[in-house]
C-alpha atoms as a PDB file:
ATOM      1  CA  UNK A   1       0.003   0.006   0.003  1.00  0.00           C
ATOM      2  CA  UNK A   2       1.393   3.429  -0.938  1.00  0.00           C
ATOM      3  CA  UNK A   3       1.809   6.179   1.647  1.00  0.00           C
ATOM      4  CA  UNK A   4      -0.942   8.232   0.015  1.00  0.00           C
ATOM      5  CA  UNK A   5      -3.305   5.271   0.265  1.00  0.00           C
ATOM      6  CA  UNK A   6      -2.405   4.820   3.942  1.00  0.00           C
ATOM      7  CA  UNK A   7      -3.042   8.494   4.637  1.00  0.00           C
ATOM      8  CA  UNK A   8      -6.346   8.300   2.794  1.00  0.00           C
ATOM      9  CA  UNK A   9      -7.323   5.285   4.875  1.00  0.00           C
ATOM     10  CA  UNK A  10      -6.414   7.137   8.083  1.00  0.00           C
ATOM     11  CA  UNK A  11      -8.608  10.084   7.014  1.00  0.00           C
ATOM     12  CA  UNK A  12     -11.498   7.728   6.252  1.00  0.00           C
ATOM     13  CA  UNK A  13     -11.064   5.981   9.594  1.00  0.00           C
ATOM     14  CA  UNK A  14     -11.013   9.281  11.492  1.00  0.00           C
ATOM     15  CA  UNK A  15     -14.196  10.327   9.711  1.00  0.00           C
ATOM     16  CA  UNK A  16     -15.799   7.017  10.671  1.00  0.00           C
ATOM     17  CA  UNK A  17     -14.797   7.527  14.314  1.00  0.00           C
ATOM     18  CA  UNK A  18     -16.319  11.010  14.223  1.00  0.00           C
ATOM     19  CA  UNK A  19     -19.560   9.649  12.787  1.00  0.00           C
ATOM     20  CA  UNK A  20     -19.732   6.886  15.377  1.00  0.00           C
ATOM     21  CA  UNK A  21     -18.990   9.206  18.281  1.00  0.00           C
ATOM     22  CA  UNK A  22     -21.853  11.513  17.290  1.00  0.00           C
ATOM     23  CA  UNK A  23     -24.412   8.739  17.829  1.00  0.00           C
ATOM     24  CA  UNK A  24     -25.384   8.395  21.487  1.00  0.00           C
ATOM     25  CA  UNK A  25     -27.029   4.973  21.140  1.00  0.00           C
ATOM     26  CA  UNK A  26     -25.373   1.830  22.480  1.00  0.00           C
ATOM     27  CA  UNK A  27     -22.157   3.425  23.700  1.00  0.00           C
ATOM     28  CA  UNK A  28     -20.450   0.125  24.474  1.00  0.00           C
ATOM     29  CA  UNK A  29     -20.566  -1.024  20.862  1.00  0.00           C
ATOM     30  CA  UNK A  30     -19.364   2.389  19.677  1.00  0.00           C
ATOM     31  CA  UNK A  31     -16.470   2.446  22.142  1.00  0.00           C
ATOM     32  CA  UNK A  32     -15.374  -0.995  20.948  1.00  0.00           C
ATOM     33  CA  UNK A  33     -15.551   0.096  17.311  1.00  0.00           C
ATOM     34  CA  UNK A  34     -13.673   3.310  18.070  1.00  0.00           C
ATOM     35  CA  UNK A  35     -10.973   1.346  19.853  1.00  0.00           C
ATOM     36  CA  UNK A  36     -10.683  -0.968  16.848  1.00  0.00           C
ATOM     37  CA  UNK A  37     -10.409   2.011  14.487  1.00  0.00           C
ATOM     38  CA  UNK A  38      -7.836   3.714  16.705  1.00  0.00           C
ATOM     39  CA  UNK A  39      -5.736   0.556  16.596  1.00  0.00           C
ATOM     40  CA  UNK A  40      -5.996   0.532  12.813  1.00  0.00           C
ATOM     41  CA  UNK A  41      -4.847   4.158  12.689  1.00  0.00           C
ATOM     42  CA  UNK A  42      -1.896   3.361  14.937  1.00  0.00           C
ATOM     43  CA  UNK A  43      -0.904   0.480  12.696  1.00  0.00           C
ATOM     44  CA  UNK A  44      -1.113   2.639   9.583  1.00  0.00           C
ATOM     45  CA  UNK A  45       0.912   5.412  11.221  1.00  0.00           C
ATOM     46  CA  UNK A  46       3.599   2.882  12.108  1.00  0.00           C
ATOM     47  CA  UNK A  47       3.686   1.592   8.522  1.00  0.00           C
ATOM     48  CA  UNK A  48       3.952   5.147   7.176  1.00  0.00           C
ATOM     49  CA  UNK A  49       6.754   5.956   9.621  1.00  0.00           C
ATOM     50  CA  UNK A  50       8.641   2.831   8.540  1.00  0.00           C
ATOM     51  CA  UNK A  51       8.156   3.684   4.855  1.00  0.00           C
ATOM     52  CA  UNK A  52       9.459   7.192   5.431  1.00  0.00           C
ATOM     53  CA  UNK A  53      12.492   5.848   7.316  1.00  0.00           C
ATOM     54  CA  UNK A  54      13.245   3.459   4.460  1.00  0.00           C
ATOM     55  CA  UNK A  55      12.933   6.298   1.963  1.00  0.00           C
ATOM     56  CA  UNK A  56      15.265   8.455   4.032  1.00  0.00           C
ATOM     57  CA  UNK A  57      17.813   5.653   4.090  1.00  0.00           C
ATOM     58  CA  UNK A  58      17.652   5.232   0.313  1.00  0.00           C
ATOM     59  CA  UNK A  59      17.935   8.970  -0.253  1.00  0.00           C
ATOM     60  CA  UNK A  60      20.820   9.158   2.221  1.00  0.00           C
ATOM     61  CA  UNK A  61      22.661   6.406   0.386  1.00  0.00           C
ATOM     62  CA  UNK A  62      22.106   8.185  -2.939  1.00  0.00           C
ATOM     63  CA  UNK A  63      23.410  11.462  -1.476  1.00  0.00           C
ATOM     64  CA  UNK A  64      26.494   9.658  -0.180  1.00  0.00           C
ATOM     65  CA  UNK A  65      27.247   8.341  -3.666  1.00  0.00           C
ATOM     66  CA  UNK A  66      26.915  11.806  -5.227  1.00  0.00           C
END
């Protein structure tokens, strides 16, 4: 998955959390879903961070060769 796709998924997930949190019915189910979505966001953020670190390494290696 590309970084832009991961960011897009994070935005979609945040929007879903916002929509869920605006509904007062059955709070327990909503809290569980929000927790699940927060975990998904955390995972995506980690993947993005790792991708950026890999990119920085590649770019650093290319700069060193120049």
